[in-house]
């Protein structure tokens, strides 16, 4: 009996310890880090919960910096959060299906309203462009990439005057071309780090057959962009939509929920943008190679990351507000840093009765694979 009780107690203790180990945690992912004389160290990273949700709003006081295991004094290091736009720029391309089935229906005003709100939400955080596609070989520019407040959302009004040139649906070819447009835009960026997102709205499957599904997905494998998808109606099947929108997708039964679909995806993209942090500080080290550990704390959740630097030539007179000299350059075709998920998580949305799209509500289903740059 004593042996049985001992085993039972050990089992309980093991379970208790396991529960403690499964408490809330933060996932810090290093994007880039660098250092320069006189003694600047800057680390660019993302912060998410262990469930994959972005963590925004952290301040310099929410981080602890250690060098070789010893806590670095906040006063001595003058640690600060620099505007991450110094190091990175984000681009989103909205690709809207304007094939015959859309333009000949009553959906265009709802799509225009939803797209306008979507671009308005993003404009404060990144550059946004809007393109349309139909059955034609080429996609059609509606508004170019811009960070000017209101310019993209105002340009969306051109959708109401769009004239379909080919009533078929060149969905696969449009996504390949959208990738090429995004590649060209980020290649011109003078900001060291670039991140891109494609949002696809469609009411059907590819009918033009100009580009195969596998070739389309291969083009997305070559770049490190996130892709969200919004599908309306019964023509497009959910597994296909999930493969296209591997960062998250919405499948809505009727046009009344289109606004909620764009709203949910817009909020998720903004969350991705706000999860980036550029933490800069002045190192007390003056020589030798050192390992930096940065801890982040939000409530009961914690997480950390490591970076190694050489302090040769370090000395006084450091200004932590100096932009970091990241040696990477904006590139059109960055190798994918993470495996592409085989399919995205569905984002649930709903529209209130009689809302006409204006009273829609949305709730996103967390996808831990998506957005992990």
Protein backbone atom coordinates (compact mmCIF):
# COMPACT_ATOMS: atom_id res chain seq x y z
CA UNK A 1 0.00 0.00 0.00
CA UNK A 2 2.82 2.38 0.86
CA UNK A 3 4.40 1.71 -2.54
CA UNK A 4 1.12 2.49 -4.30
CA UNK A 5 0.70 5.71 -2.36
CA UNK A 6 4.23 6.75 -3.24
CA UNK A 7 3.67 6.14 -6.93
CA UNK A 8 0.40 8.05 -6.77
CA UNK A 9 2.02 10.99 -5.06
CA UNK A 10 4.87 11.08 -7.56
CA UNK A 11 2.38 11.00 -10.40
CA UNK A 12 0.47 13.91 -8.87
CA UNK A 13 3.70 15.84 -8.31
CA UNK A 14 4.79 15.24 -11.90
CA UNK A 15 1.44 16.47 -13.21
CA UNK A 16 1.63 19.54 -10.96
CA UNK A 17 5.11 20.43 -12.22
CA UNK A 18 3.94 19.93 -15.80
CA UNK A 19 1.06 22.32 -15.23
CA UNK A 20 3.45 24.94 -13.87
CA UNK A 21 5.64 24.53 -16.94
CA UNK A 22 2.67 25.08 -19.23
CA UNK A 23 1.88 28.54 -17.87
CA UNK A 24 1.58 31.62 -20.07
CA UNK A 25 4.71 32.47 -22.04
CA UNK A 26 5.86 34.88 -24.72
CA UNK A 27 7.51 33.84 -27.95
CA UNK A 28 10.30 36.23 -28.98
CA UNK A 29 11.67 35.72 -32.49
CA UNK A 30 14.84 37.46 -33.60
CA UNK A 31 14.49 39.16 -36.98
CA UNK A 32 17.79 41.03 -37.13
CA UNK A 33 20.38 42.42 -34.72
CA UNK A 34 23.50 44.52 -35.07
CA UNK A 35 26.00 46.64 -33.14
CA UNK A 36 28.34 49.53 -33.79
CA UNK A 37 30.74 51.80 -31.99
CA UNK A 38 30.81 53.61 -29.69
CA UNK A 39 28.76 50.89 -27.89
CA UNK A 40 25.37 50.58 -29.58
CA UNK A 41 23.50 47.29 -29.63
CA UNK A 42 20.13 47.06 -31.39
CA UNK A 43 17.86 44.02 -31.66
CA UNK A 44 14.83 43.79 -33.94
CA UNK A 45 12.33 41.07 -33.03
CA UNK A 46 8.68 40.05 -32.75
CA UNK A 47 6.67 39.19 -29.65
CA UNK A 48 3.74 36.76 -29.68
CA UNK A 49 1.91 34.71 -27.08
CA UNK A 50 2.59 31.00 -27.03
CA UNK A 51 -0.78 30.68 -28.78
CA UNK A 52 0.44 32.71 -31.75
CA UNK A 53 -1.34 35.99 -31.01
CA UNK A 54 0.69 39.19 -31.55
CA UNK A 55 1.67 41.18 -28.46
CA UNK A 56 1.56 44.96 -28.91
CA UNK A 57 2.14 47.91 -26.62
CA UNK A 58 5.26 46.81 -24.74
CA UNK A 59 7.57 49.57 -23.52
CA UNK A 60 11.31 49.62 -22.82
CA UNK A 61 10.53 48.98 -19.15
CA UNK A 62 8.92 45.64 -20.07
CA UNK A 63 12.31 44.26 -21.12
CA UNK A 64 15.32 43.15 -19.10
CA UNK A 65 18.73 42.99 -20.77
CA UNK A 66 21.44 40.60 -19.63
CA UNK A 67 25.02 40.36 -20.88
CA UNK A 68 26.67 37.03 -20.14
CA UNK A 69 23.98 36.33 -17.56
CA UNK A 70 24.42 39.62 -15.63
CA UNK A 71 21.59 42.16 -15.59
CA UNK A 72 22.50 45.40 -17.35
CA UNK A 73 21.46 48.53 -15.47
CA UNK A 74 18.62 50.41 -17.15
CA UNK A 75 20.22 53.73 -16.21
CA UNK A 76 23.61 52.70 -17.49
CA UNK A 77 22.35 51.17 -20.75
CA UNK A 78 19.70 53.83 -21.48
CA UNK A 79 17.62 51.12 -23.15
CA UNK A 80 14.88 52.44 -25.39
CA UNK A 81 12.34 51.31 -27.98
CA UNK A 82 13.02 52.93 -31.35
CA UNK A 83 10.25 53.35 -33.90
CA UNK A 84 10.44 50.03 -35.78
CA UNK A 85 9.78 51.85 -39.06
CA UNK A 86 13.44 52.89 -38.90
CA UNK A 87 14.36 49.28 -39.60
CA UNK A 88 11.36 47.79 -41.38
CA UNK A 89 8.59 48.64 -43.79
CA UNK A 90 5.40 46.67 -44.34
CA UNK A 91 3.47 46.38 -47.60
CA UNK A 92 -0.01 44.98 -48.23
CA UNK A 93 -1.47 44.36 -51.68
CA UNK A 94 -5.24 43.89 -51.86
CA UNK A 95 -6.26 41.82 -54.88
CA UNK A 96 -9.97 42.11 -55.70
CA UNK A 97 -11.90 39.75 -57.99
CA UNK A 98 -13.78 41.85 -60.55
CA UNK A 99 -14.71 39.04 -62.93
CA UNK A 100 -18.08 38.98 -64.63
CA UNK A 101 -19.84 37.19 -61.79
CA UNK A 102 -18.93 40.07 -59.45
CA UNK A 103 -19.50 43.09 -61.68
CA UNK A 104 -22.82 41.75 -62.93
CA UNK A 105 -24.11 41.26 -59.38
CA UNK A 106 -25.07 43.77 -56.69
CA UNK A 107 -21.91 43.07 -54.67
CA UNK A 108 -19.69 45.87 -55.99
CA UNK A 109 -20.90 48.63 -53.58
CA UNK A 110 -20.42 46.28 -50.59
CA UNK A 111 -16.97 45.23 -51.79
CA UNK A 112 -16.01 48.84 -52.39
CA UNK A 113 -17.14 49.86 -48.90
CA UNK A 114 -15.34 46.95 -47.24
CA UNK A 115 -12.14 47.49 -49.23
CA UNK A 116 -12.17 51.21 -48.42
CA UNK A 117 -12.45 50.51 -44.70
CA UNK A 118 -9.75 47.84 -44.96
CA UNK A 119 -7.22 50.14 -46.63
CA UNK A 120 -8.09 52.97 -44.24
CA UNK A 121 -7.29 50.70 -41.29
CA UNK A 122 -3.89 49.73 -42.69
CA UNK A 123 -2.71 53.08 -44.03
CA UNK A 124 -1.49 54.25 -40.64
CA UNK A 125 0.87 51.29 -40.34
CA UNK A 126 2.13 50.38 -43.81
CA UNK A 127 1.97 51.03 -47.53
CA UNK A 128 -1.13 49.68 -49.25
CA UNK A 129 -2.02 49.06 -52.90
CA UNK A 130 -5.20 47.80 -54.55
CA UNK A 131 -5.34 45.75 -57.75
CA UNK A 132 -8.26 44.12 -59.54
CA UNK A 133 -8.35 40.99 -61.65
CA UNK A 134 -10.75 39.29 -64.03
CA UNK A 135 -10.03 36.73 -66.73
CA UNK A 136 -7.34 38.85 -68.37
CA UNK A 137 -3.70 37.85 -68.36
CA UNK A 138 -2.68 40.99 -66.43
CA UNK A 139 -4.00 42.39 -63.17
CA UNK A 140 -5.36 45.96 -63.18
CA UNK A 141 -3.97 48.71 -60.88
CA UNK A 142 -6.62 50.54 -58.89
CA UNK A 143 -4.37 52.44 -56.47
CA UNK A 144 -0.55 52.25 -56.30
CA UNK A 145 1.40 51.61 -53.11
CA UNK A 146 1.20 54.58 -50.81
CA UNK A 147 1.46 55.43 -47.14
CA UNK A 148 -0.43 58.71 -47.56
CA UNK A 149 -3.40 58.78 -45.23
CA UNK A 150 -6.66 58.38 -47.12
CA UNK A 151 -5.13 57.98 -50.58
CA UNK A 152 -5.63 54.21 -50.92
CA UNK A 153 -9.07 54.18 -49.32
CA UNK A 154 -10.17 57.03 -51.57
CA UNK A 155 -8.78 55.27 -54.61
CA UNK A 156 -10.87 52.19 -53.88
CA UNK A 157 -13.86 54.17 -55.18
CA UNK A 158 -12.53 53.44 -58.67
CA UNK A 159 -13.79 49.87 -58.27
CA UNK A 160 -17.33 51.05 -58.95
CA UNK A 161 -16.24 52.26 -62.38
CA UNK A 162 -14.23 49.15 -63.22
CA UNK A 163 -15.13 47.57 -66.54
CA UNK A 164 -14.46 43.86 -66.84
CA UNK A 165 -12.33 43.09 -69.89
CA UNK A 166 -12.66 39.30 -69.65
CA UNK A 167 -15.56 37.82 -67.63
CA UNK A 168 -13.57 34.70 -66.71
CA UNK A 169 -11.52 34.35 -63.47
CA UNK A 170 -7.71 34.25 -63.68
CA UNK A 171 -7.25 33.70 -59.94
CA UNK A 172 -3.99 31.75 -60.07
CA UNK A 173 -2.36 34.09 -62.57
CA UNK A 174 -3.50 37.14 -60.60
CA UNK A 175 -1.82 35.89 -57.42
CA UNK A 176 1.43 35.22 -59.31
CA UNK A 177 1.32 38.73 -60.75
CA UNK A 178 0.49 40.24 -57.35
CA UNK A 179 3.60 38.56 -55.98
CA UNK A 180 5.68 40.07 -58.78
CA UNK A 181 4.24 43.55 -58.15
CA UNK A 182 5.01 43.22 -54.44
CA UNK A 183 8.52 41.97 -55.24
CA UNK A 184 9.19 45.03 -57.38
CA UNK A 185 7.91 47.41 -54.71
CA UNK A 186 9.93 46.04 -51.81
CA UNK A 187 13.04 45.87 -54.02
CA UNK A 188 12.95 49.67 -54.23
CA UNK A 189 12.69 50.13 -50.47
CA UNK A 190 15.60 51.86 -48.77
CA UNK A 191 14.54 50.40 -45.43
CA UNK A 192 16.76 47.48 -44.37
CA UNK A 193 13.93 45.01 -43.71
CA UNK A 194 10.74 44.54 -45.70
CA UNK A 195 7.61 42.47 -45.08
CA UNK A 196 4.78 41.83 -47.50
CA UNK A 197 1.19 40.63 -47.34
CA UNK A 198 -1.26 39.73 -50.09
CA UNK A 199 -5.00 39.73 -49.41
CA UNK A 200 -7.13 38.02 -52.06
CA UNK A 201 -10.87 38.54 -52.43
CA UNK A 202 -12.69 36.21 -54.81
CA UNK A 203 -16.13 34.79 -55.40
CA UNK A 204 -15.01 31.75 -57.36
CA UNK A 205 -12.36 29.35 -58.51
CA UNK A 206 -9.86 29.82 -61.33
CA UNK A 207 -11.63 29.34 -64.68
CA UNK A 208 -9.11 30.89 -67.08
CA UNK A 209 -6.51 28.13 -66.50
CA UNK A 210 -3.70 30.46 -67.54
CA UNK A 211 -1.59 29.36 -64.54
CA UNK A 212 -1.82 26.05 -62.69
CA UNK A 213 -2.55 25.86 -58.97
CA UNK A 214 0.84 24.25 -58.29
CA UNK A 215 2.73 26.95 -60.19
CA UNK A 216 0.86 29.61 -58.22
CA UNK A 217 1.77 28.01 -54.88
CA UNK A 218 5.38 27.57 -56.03
CA UNK A 219 5.60 31.32 -56.66
CA UNK A 220 4.49 31.92 -53.06
CA UNK A 221 7.05 29.44 -51.76
CA UNK A 222 9.82 31.57 -53.27
CA UNK A 223 9.00 34.62 -51.14
CA UNK A 224 8.36 35.31 -47.48
CA UNK A 225 4.94 36.93 -47.80
CA UNK A 226 1.79 36.21 -45.85
CA UNK A 227 -1.38 35.51 -47.84
CA UNK A 228 -4.93 35.95 -46.56
CA UNK A 229 -8.01 35.03 -48.57
CA UNK A 230 -11.68 36.03 -48.51
CA UNK A 231 -14.11 33.81 -50.40
CA UNK A 232 -17.77 34.68 -50.98
CA UNK A 233 -20.47 32.34 -52.19
CA UNK A 234 -20.66 28.63 -52.86
CA UNK A 235 -18.52 28.33 -55.98
CA UNK A 236 -15.13 28.24 -54.27
CA UNK A 237 -14.40 25.23 -52.07
CA UNK A 238 -13.06 25.75 -48.57
CA UNK A 239 -9.95 23.48 -48.81
CA UNK A 240 -8.74 25.44 -51.84
CA UNK A 241 -9.39 28.76 -50.12
CA UNK A 242 -7.49 27.53 -47.04
CA UNK A 243 -4.48 26.57 -49.18
CA UNK A 244 -4.43 29.97 -50.87
CA UNK A 245 -4.98 31.84 -47.61
CA UNK A 246 -2.37 29.93 -45.65
CA UNK A 247 -1.99 32.84 -43.22
CA UNK A 248 -5.74 32.86 -42.55
CA UNK A 249 -8.93 32.85 -44.59
CA UNK A 250 -12.60 33.77 -44.39
CA UNK A 251 -15.40 31.95 -46.17
CA UNK A 252 -18.66 33.88 -46.00
CA UNK A 253 -21.99 32.59 -47.21
CA UNK A 254 -23.37 35.96 -48.30
CA UNK A 255 -22.20 39.44 -49.17
CA UNK A 256 -23.55 40.90 -45.92
CA UNK A 257 -20.52 39.54 -44.06
CA UNK A 258 -17.91 40.86 -46.50
CA UNK A 259 -17.25 43.95 -44.38
CA UNK A 260 -16.68 41.80 -41.30
CA UNK A 261 -14.32 39.56 -43.28
CA UNK A 262 -12.13 42.48 -44.36
CA UNK A 263 -12.29 43.94 -40.84
CA UNK A 264 -11.09 40.70 -39.24
CA UNK A 265 -8.18 40.31 -41.64
CA UNK A 266 -7.26 43.98 -41.33
CA UNK A 267 -7.07 43.68 -37.56
CA UNK A 268 -4.88 40.60 -37.86
CA UNK A 269 -2.48 42.36 -40.25
CA UNK A 270 -2.26 45.41 -37.98
CA UNK A 271 -1.55 43.06 -35.08
CA UNK A 272 1.31 41.54 -37.06
CA UNK A 273 2.73 45.02 -37.64
CA UNK A 274 2.51 46.03 -33.98
CA UNK A 275 4.28 42.88 -32.77
CA UNK A 276 7.63 44.22 -34.04
CA UNK A 277 10.04 45.85 -31.60
CA UNK A 278 13.40 47.53 -32.07
CA UNK A 279 15.16 47.58 -28.69
CA UNK A 280 18.33 49.65 -28.54
CA UNK A 281 20.78 50.15 -25.68
CA UNK A 282 24.33 51.16 -24.80
CA UNK A 283 26.46 48.19 -23.79
CA UNK A 284 28.79 48.48 -20.77
CA UNK A 285 31.16 45.98 -22.45
CA UNK A 286 34.43 47.33 -23.82
CA UNK A 287 36.03 44.25 -25.37
CA UNK A 288 35.44 40.59 -26.07
CA UNK A 289 32.50 38.55 -27.36
CA UNK A 290 29.32 38.68 -25.29
CA UNK A 291 25.92 37.00 -25.32
CA UNK A 292 22.90 39.24 -24.88
CA UNK A 293 19.70 37.81 -23.45
CA UNK A 294 16.58 39.94 -23.61
CA UNK A 295 13.64 39.04 -21.40
CA UNK A 296 10.13 40.34 -22.10
CA UNK A 297 7.49 40.40 -19.38
CA UNK A 298 3.77 41.06 -19.84
CA UNK A 299 1.70 40.23 -16.78
CA UNK A 300 2.56 36.66 -15.83
CA UNK A 301 3.88 35.80 -19.29
CA UNK A 302 7.61 35.84 -20.04
CA UNK A 303 9.92 35.06 -22.95
CA UNK A 304 13.48 35.70 -24.10
CA UNK A 305 15.90 35.68 -27.03
CA UNK A 306 19.70 35.65 -27.43
CA UNK A 307 22.18 37.55 -29.58
CA UNK A 308 26.00 37.47 -29.61
CA UNK A 309 28.17 40.51 -30.39
CA UNK A 310 31.82 41.55 -30.35
CA UNK A 311 32.55 44.64 -28.23
CA UNK A 312 35.93 45.38 -29.79
CA UNK A 313 36.45 49.15 -29.96
CA UNK A 314 33.50 49.92 -27.67
CA UNK A 315 33.72 53.03 -25.51
CA UNK A 316 31.70 55.96 -24.08
CA UNK A 317 29.41 58.58 -25.69
CA UNK A 318 26.79 56.12 -26.96
CA UNK A 319 23.41 57.41 -28.14
CA UNK A 320 20.78 54.62 -28.07
CA UNK A 321 18.50 56.65 -30.35
CA UNK A 322 20.89 56.23 -33.28
CA UNK A 323 19.38 54.08 -36.05
CA UNK A 324 20.82 50.57 -36.12
CA UNK A 325 23.20 49.83 -38.99
CA UNK A 326 21.50 46.64 -40.13
CA UNK A 327 23.51 45.35 -43.07
CA UNK A 328 20.64 43.60 -44.81
CA UNK A 329 18.96 45.40 -47.70
CA UNK A 330 15.43 45.31 -49.00
CA UNK A 331 15.19 42.44 -51.44
CA UNK A 332 12.46 41.32 -53.79
CA UNK A 333 12.85 37.61 -53.10
CA UNK A 334 13.81 36.80 -49.55
CA UNK A 335 14.08 33.07 -48.83
CA UNK A 336 11.15 31.90 -46.73
CA UNK A 337 12.24 31.87 -43.09
CA UNK A 338 9.53 29.43 -42.02
CA UNK A 339 7.77 26.53 -43.66
CA UNK A 340 4.60 27.57 -45.43
CA UNK A 341 1.58 26.04 -43.69
CA UNK A 342 -0.31 23.60 -45.90
CA UNK A 343 -3.48 25.52 -45.07
CA UNK A 344 -4.56 28.51 -43.01
CA UNK A 345 -6.88 28.77 -40.04
CA UNK A 346 -10.43 29.87 -40.75
CA UNK A 347 -11.35 33.29 -39.38
CA UNK A 348 -14.97 33.23 -38.21
CA UNK A 349 -17.15 36.22 -39.03
CA UNK A 350 -20.84 36.98 -38.79
CA UNK A 351 -23.17 39.76 -39.92
CA UNK A 352 -26.17 40.96 -37.94
CA UNK A 353 -29.52 40.59 -39.62
CA UNK A 354 -30.33 43.57 -41.79
CA UNK A 355 -26.89 45.06 -41.27
CA UNK A 356 -26.12 45.27 -44.97
CA UNK A 357 -22.49 44.78 -44.01
CA UNK A 358 -22.43 47.70 -41.61
CA UNK A 359 -23.28 45.84 -38.43
CA UNK A 360 -21.03 42.86 -38.96
CA UNK A 361 -18.99 41.35 -36.19
CA UNK A 362 -15.88 39.25 -36.45
CA UNK A 363 -13.69 37.01 -34.35
CA UNK A 364 -10.41 35.61 -35.54
CA UNK A 365 -9.35 32.04 -34.88
CA UNK A 366 -5.73 32.03 -33.76
CA UNK A 367 -3.27 30.41 -36.14
CA UNK A 368 0.11 29.82 -34.45
CA UNK A 369 1.75 29.03 -37.81
CA UNK A 370 0.74 32.28 -39.46
CA UNK A 371 2.72 35.51 -39.33
CA UNK A 372 5.84 34.00 -37.75
CA UNK A 373 8.42 35.98 -39.68
